[in-house]
């Protein structure tokens, strides 16, 4: 009986903890299903009296939401893959290679993590514009193809891998590329999945840089399309359209986390274990 009561109390406490982060998603859902009249009711209702899905179709009619969604998939997907590749390569070099100035270079890379994005916005814009990449997909992705946090994370995980495994692979005739692909990458898979989640969510939600570098509406990511949608529907009667767009834009990041949550939790539990 005591065990049952303890489990019920644990589930109740867990439910209370889950309510604050899940409430915005619930509110977006019920607001997108309400009609304009119901949205103007005071006090607001907690459940839609006559739920409808018309707002979801109207999102794609008001703004080019479909093309913006695909643009975000392209930008976030390519940037995430690039971050994974560059992070594991640089992390391997910083962790297992010994050369003059290695530590200085590593901590110089780490120091860039503490620069506010606003400080680097103007230099990045000037650099990308000078290269002729303004208003292009490559211009949006170029500053984010490598990530200081990813390099730091991979270096910390790879440093814990015994050198004997790498030496044994070299004795067997494996090159550095094969060692990185067949030995290092499988051992840091939980860290790679965690980095992929962080990177994808960041690039999917990135707003300031695409707003600064893009002018063509057809290349806008979904966050800029949402801003257009919000400016279009400032009236309360159109809030269901705004909520429907925000809910659609949230689906990819939620799916990425749900699909990778087991490996993500595994990486967190392993990060505190040494030896």
Protein backbone atom coordinates (compact mmCIF):
# COMPACT_ATOMS: atom_id res chain seq x y z
CA UNK A 1 0.00 0.00 0.00
CA UNK A 2 2.83 2.36 0.84
CA UNK A 3 4.42 1.66 -2.56
CA UNK A 4 1.17 2.41 -4.39
CA UNK A 5 0.72 5.69 -2.51
CA UNK A 6 4.31 6.63 -3.29
CA UNK A 7 3.82 5.99 -6.99
CA UNK A 8 0.59 7.98 -7.08
CA UNK A 9 2.31 10.87 -5.32
CA UNK A 10 5.24 10.67 -7.74
CA UNK A 11 2.94 10.73 -10.78
CA UNK A 12 0.96 13.64 -9.30
CA UNK A 13 4.15 15.61 -8.68
CA UNK A 14 5.34 14.82 -12.20
CA UNK A 15 2.02 16.00 -13.66
CA UNK A 16 2.30 19.30 -11.76
CA UNK A 17 5.83 19.81 -13.06
CA UNK A 18 4.73 19.05 -16.63
CA UNK A 19 1.82 21.50 -16.63
CA UNK A 20 3.78 24.79 -17.05
CA UNK A 21 5.80 23.73 -20.14
CA UNK A 22 2.85 21.91 -21.76
CA UNK A 23 0.28 24.65 -21.13
CA UNK A 24 1.41 26.91 -24.05
CA UNK A 25 1.06 24.00 -26.47
CA UNK A 26 -2.39 23.21 -25.12
CA UNK A 27 -3.45 26.84 -25.40
CA UNK A 28 -2.18 27.06 -28.99
CA UNK A 29 -4.13 23.93 -29.86
CA UNK A 30 -7.47 24.96 -28.39
CA UNK A 31 -7.12 28.53 -29.71
CA UNK A 32 -6.47 27.26 -33.24
CA UNK A 33 -9.63 25.14 -33.04
CA UNK A 34 -11.86 28.02 -31.86
CA UNK A 35 -13.83 30.34 -34.08
CA UNK A 36 -13.44 34.15 -34.08
CA UNK A 37 -16.52 34.65 -31.90
CA UNK A 38 -15.36 32.20 -29.26
CA UNK A 39 -11.90 33.79 -29.16
CA UNK A 40 -13.45 37.11 -28.11
CA UNK A 41 -15.33 35.66 -25.14
CA UNK A 42 -14.41 36.92 -21.66
CA UNK A 43 -13.54 34.91 -19.66
CA UNK A 44 -11.96 32.60 -22.24
CA UNK A 45 -13.12 29.01 -22.48
CA UNK A 46 -10.78 26.13 -21.71
CA UNK A 47 -12.28 23.86 -24.36
CA UNK A 48 -13.54 24.82 -27.87
CA UNK A 49 -17.32 24.53 -28.02
CA UNK A 50 -17.35 23.92 -31.78
CA UNK A 51 -13.84 22.88 -32.83
CA UNK A 52 -12.87 23.44 -36.45
CA UNK A 53 -9.73 23.08 -38.55
CA UNK A 54 -10.33 25.97 -40.93
CA UNK A 55 -7.56 28.06 -39.40
CA UNK A 56 -4.93 25.50 -40.42
CA UNK A 57 -5.87 25.83 -44.07
CA UNK A 58 -6.06 29.62 -43.87
CA UNK A 59 -2.45 29.78 -42.66
CA UNK A 60 -1.23 28.56 -46.06
CA UNK A 61 -3.50 31.03 -47.88
CA UNK A 62 -2.50 34.18 -46.00
CA UNK A 63 1.29 33.75 -46.23
CA UNK A 64 3.54 31.34 -48.20
CA UNK A 65 3.75 29.09 -45.18
CA UNK A 66 4.41 25.87 -47.11
CA UNK A 67 7.52 27.18 -48.87
CA UNK A 68 8.72 28.80 -45.64
CA UNK A 69 8.35 25.47 -43.85
CA UNK A 70 10.47 23.73 -46.50
CA UNK A 71 13.04 26.54 -46.30
CA UNK A 72 13.38 25.96 -42.57
CA UNK A 73 13.76 22.21 -43.11
CA UNK A 74 16.56 22.88 -45.60
CA UNK A 75 18.38 25.50 -43.50
CA UNK A 76 18.06 23.71 -40.18
CA UNK A 77 18.79 20.27 -41.65
CA UNK A 78 21.93 21.24 -43.57
CA UNK A 79 23.25 23.38 -40.71
CA UNK A 80 22.68 20.60 -38.17
CA UNK A 81 24.46 17.97 -40.27
CA UNK A 82 27.37 20.35 -40.85
CA UNK A 83 27.65 21.09 -37.14
CA UNK A 84 27.75 17.39 -36.31
CA UNK A 85 30.51 16.72 -38.85
CA UNK A 86 32.68 19.72 -37.98
CA UNK A 87 32.21 19.27 -34.23
CA UNK A 88 33.23 15.62 -34.12
CA UNK A 89 36.23 16.27 -36.39
CA UNK A 90 37.45 19.29 -34.44
CA UNK A 91 36.68 17.61 -31.11
CA UNK A 92 38.75 14.60 -32.12
CA UNK A 93 41.72 16.80 -33.05
CA UNK A 94 41.55 18.83 -29.84
CA UNK A 95 41.14 15.73 -27.67
CA UNK A 96 43.65 13.28 -29.16
CA UNK A 97 46.23 15.30 -31.08
CA UNK A 98 49.11 17.13 -29.42
CA UNK A 99 50.49 20.18 -31.18
CA UNK A 100 51.82 23.59 -30.24
CA UNK A 101 49.09 26.06 -29.33
CA UNK A 102 46.37 23.40 -29.10
CA UNK A 103 45.01 24.53 -25.74
CA UNK A 104 45.14 28.21 -26.66
CA UNK A 105 43.27 27.57 -29.90
CA UNK A 106 40.68 25.42 -28.13
CA UNK A 107 39.95 28.00 -25.44
CA UNK A 108 39.85 30.73 -28.08
CA UNK A 109 37.09 28.76 -29.81
CA UNK A 110 35.28 28.30 -26.48
CA UNK A 111 35.57 32.04 -25.78
CA UNK A 112 33.46 32.80 -28.84
CA UNK A 113 30.51 31.17 -27.05
CA UNK A 114 30.36 34.15 -24.70
CA UNK A 115 30.01 36.77 -27.45
CA UNK A 116 26.45 38.12 -27.68
CA UNK A 117 24.92 37.47 -31.12
CA UNK A 118 24.25 41.20 -31.56
CA UNK A 119 27.99 41.93 -31.38
CA UNK A 120 28.78 39.62 -34.30
CA UNK A 121 25.74 40.54 -36.40
CA UNK A 122 27.28 43.49 -38.28
CA UNK A 123 30.67 41.81 -39.02
CA UNK A 124 28.89 38.67 -40.22
CA UNK A 125 26.57 40.68 -42.44
CA UNK A 126 29.50 42.58 -43.96
CA UNK A 127 31.46 39.37 -44.55
CA UNK A 128 28.58 37.48 -46.15
CA UNK A 129 27.59 40.48 -48.28
CA UNK A 130 31.18 40.96 -49.44
CA UNK A 131 31.25 37.32 -50.56
CA UNK A 132 28.12 37.94 -52.63
CA UNK A 133 26.00 35.55 -50.59
CA UNK A 134 23.40 38.00 -49.32
CA UNK A 135 19.79 36.93 -49.87
CA UNK A 136 20.76 33.30 -50.46
CA UNK A 137 20.36 30.00 -48.63
CA UNK A 138 24.12 29.61 -48.35
CA UNK A 139 24.39 33.08 -46.85
CA UNK A 140 21.90 32.12 -44.14
CA UNK A 141 23.70 28.86 -43.33
CA UNK A 142 27.35 29.86 -43.71
CA UNK A 143 27.92 31.45 -40.24
CA UNK A 144 26.37 28.40 -38.54
CA UNK A 145 28.11 25.52 -40.33
CA UNK A 146 30.39 25.13 -37.31
CA UNK A 147 29.54 25.66 -33.67
CA UNK A 148 31.80 26.39 -30.70
CA UNK A 149 29.51 24.62 -28.25
CA UNK A 150 29.46 21.51 -30.45
CA UNK A 151 33.27 21.47 -30.64
CA UNK A 152 33.51 21.86 -26.88
CA UNK A 153 30.96 19.09 -26.24
CA UNK A 154 32.60 16.62 -28.63
CA UNK A 155 36.06 17.35 -27.26
CA UNK A 156 34.92 16.60 -23.70
CA UNK A 157 33.32 13.30 -24.67
CA UNK A 158 36.12 12.16 -26.98
CA UNK A 159 38.75 12.97 -24.33
CA UNK A 160 37.25 10.21 -22.15
CA UNK A 161 37.77 7.56 -24.84
CA UNK A 162 40.85 5.44 -24.00
CA UNK A 163 43.84 6.09 -26.26
CA UNK A 164 44.42 2.33 -26.41
CA UNK A 165 41.37 1.88 -28.65
CA UNK A 166 42.72 4.39 -31.14
CA UNK A 167 46.22 2.91 -31.01
CA UNK A 168 44.82 -0.57 -31.61
CA UNK A 169 42.94 0.68 -34.68
CA UNK A 170 46.09 2.28 -36.03
CA UNK A 171 48.03 -0.96 -35.51
CA UNK A 172 45.35 -2.76 -37.53
CA UNK A 173 46.02 -0.33 -40.38
CA UNK A 174 43.03 1.99 -40.00
CA UNK A 175 43.47 5.57 -41.19
CA UNK A 176 42.38 8.61 -39.24
CA UNK A 177 39.16 8.93 -41.22
CA UNK A 178 38.22 5.32 -40.58
CA UNK A 179 39.10 5.65 -36.88
CA UNK A 180 36.85 8.69 -36.63
CA UNK A 181 34.00 6.95 -38.44
CA UNK A 182 34.23 3.42 -37.02
CA UNK A 183 35.70 3.95 -33.52
CA UNK A 184 35.02 7.48 -32.29
CA UNK A 185 31.57 8.20 -33.74
CA UNK A 186 29.78 5.09 -32.32
CA UNK A 187 31.20 5.80 -28.85
CA UNK A 188 29.96 9.40 -28.80
CA UNK A 189 26.58 8.67 -30.39
CA UNK A 190 24.54 9.88 -27.38
CA UNK A 191 26.46 13.17 -27.38
CA UNK A 192 25.93 13.53 -31.14
CA UNK A 193 22.18 13.02 -30.76
CA UNK A 194 22.05 15.63 -27.99
CA UNK A 195 24.01 18.08 -30.12
CA UNK A 196 21.72 17.39 -33.07
CA UNK A 197 18.67 18.26 -30.96
CA UNK A 198 20.19 21.48 -29.65
CA UNK A 199 21.44 22.54 -33.08
CA UNK A 200 18.22 21.75 -34.93
CA UNK A 201 16.06 23.63 -32.42
CA UNK A 202 18.41 26.64 -32.49
CA UNK A 203 18.55 26.85 -36.29
CA UNK A 204 14.83 26.23 -36.65
CA UNK A 205 14.03 29.10 -34.27
CA UNK A 206 16.78 31.45 -35.48
CA UNK A 207 15.11 34.77 -36.30
CA UNK A 208 17.56 37.67 -36.23
CA UNK A 209 20.12 36.45 -38.78
CA UNK A 210 17.64 35.36 -41.52
CA UNK A 211 15.80 38.65 -41.01
CA UNK A 212 19.05 40.56 -41.55
CA UNK A 213 20.40 38.70 -44.59
CA UNK A 214 17.28 37.75 -46.58
CA UNK A 215 15.11 40.05 -48.67
CA UNK A 216 13.25 37.63 -50.94
CA UNK A 217 10.03 36.41 -49.32
CA UNK A 218 10.28 33.07 -51.12
CA UNK A 219 13.45 32.25 -49.14
CA UNK A 220 12.08 33.18 -45.71
CA UNK A 221 12.15 30.45 -43.04
CA UNK A 222 9.06 29.62 -41.05
CA UNK A 223 9.87 32.02 -38.18
CA UNK A 224 9.80 34.98 -40.58
CA UNK A 225 6.59 33.70 -42.10
CA UNK A 226 5.11 33.64 -38.60
CA UNK A 227 6.10 37.26 -38.09
CA UNK A 228 4.34 38.15 -41.35
CA UNK A 229 1.31 36.20 -40.20
CA UNK A 230 1.27 37.99 -36.87
CA UNK A 231 1.46 41.43 -38.51
CA UNK A 232 -1.37 40.44 -40.85
CA UNK A 233 -3.74 39.22 -38.16
CA UNK A 234 -3.40 41.74 -35.33
CA UNK A 235 -7.11 41.56 -34.60
CA UNK A 236 -8.40 39.14 -31.97
CA UNK A 237 -10.67 37.46 -34.52
CA UNK A 238 -7.60 36.18 -36.42
CA UNK A 239 -5.73 34.80 -33.45
CA UNK A 240 -6.80 31.26 -34.32
CA UNK A 241 -4.83 31.57 -37.58
CA UNK A 242 -1.76 32.80 -35.70
CA UNK A 243 -2.03 29.97 -33.19
CA UNK A 244 -2.46 27.41 -35.96
CA UNK A 245 0.70 28.67 -37.67
CA UNK A 246 2.66 28.61 -34.42
CA UNK A 247 1.45 25.07 -33.70
CA UNK A 248 2.50 23.83 -37.15
CA UNK A 249 5.90 25.49 -36.75
CA UNK A 250 6.39 23.73 -33.40
CA UNK A 251 5.76 20.22 -34.74
CA UNK A 252 9.24 19.48 -36.22
CA UNK A 253 11.15 20.40 -33.06
CA UNK A 254 8.76 18.35 -30.92
CA UNK A 255 9.11 15.36 -33.24
CA UNK A 256 12.90 15.59 -33.23
CA UNK A 257 12.97 15.49 -29.45
CA UNK A 258 10.43 12.68 -29.16
CA UNK A 259 12.32 10.52 -31.65
CA UNK A 260 15.67 11.09 -29.94
CA UNK A 261 14.62 11.40 -26.30
CA UNK A 262 15.92 7.96 -25.25
CA UNK A 263 19.42 8.63 -26.56
CA UNK A 264 19.25 12.19 -25.24
CA UNK A 265 18.51 11.04 -21.69
CA UNK A 266 21.22 8.41 -22.02
CA UNK A 267 23.79 11.07 -22.90
CA UNK A 268 22.82 13.13 -19.85
CA UNK A 269 23.11 10.14 -17.52
CA UNK A 270 26.50 9.18 -18.95
CA UNK A 271 27.90 12.71 -18.79
CA UNK A 272 28.22 12.45 -15.01
CA UNK A 273 30.02 9.09 -15.07
CA UNK A 274 33.81 9.05 -15.28
CA UNK A 275 36.08 6.06 -15.80
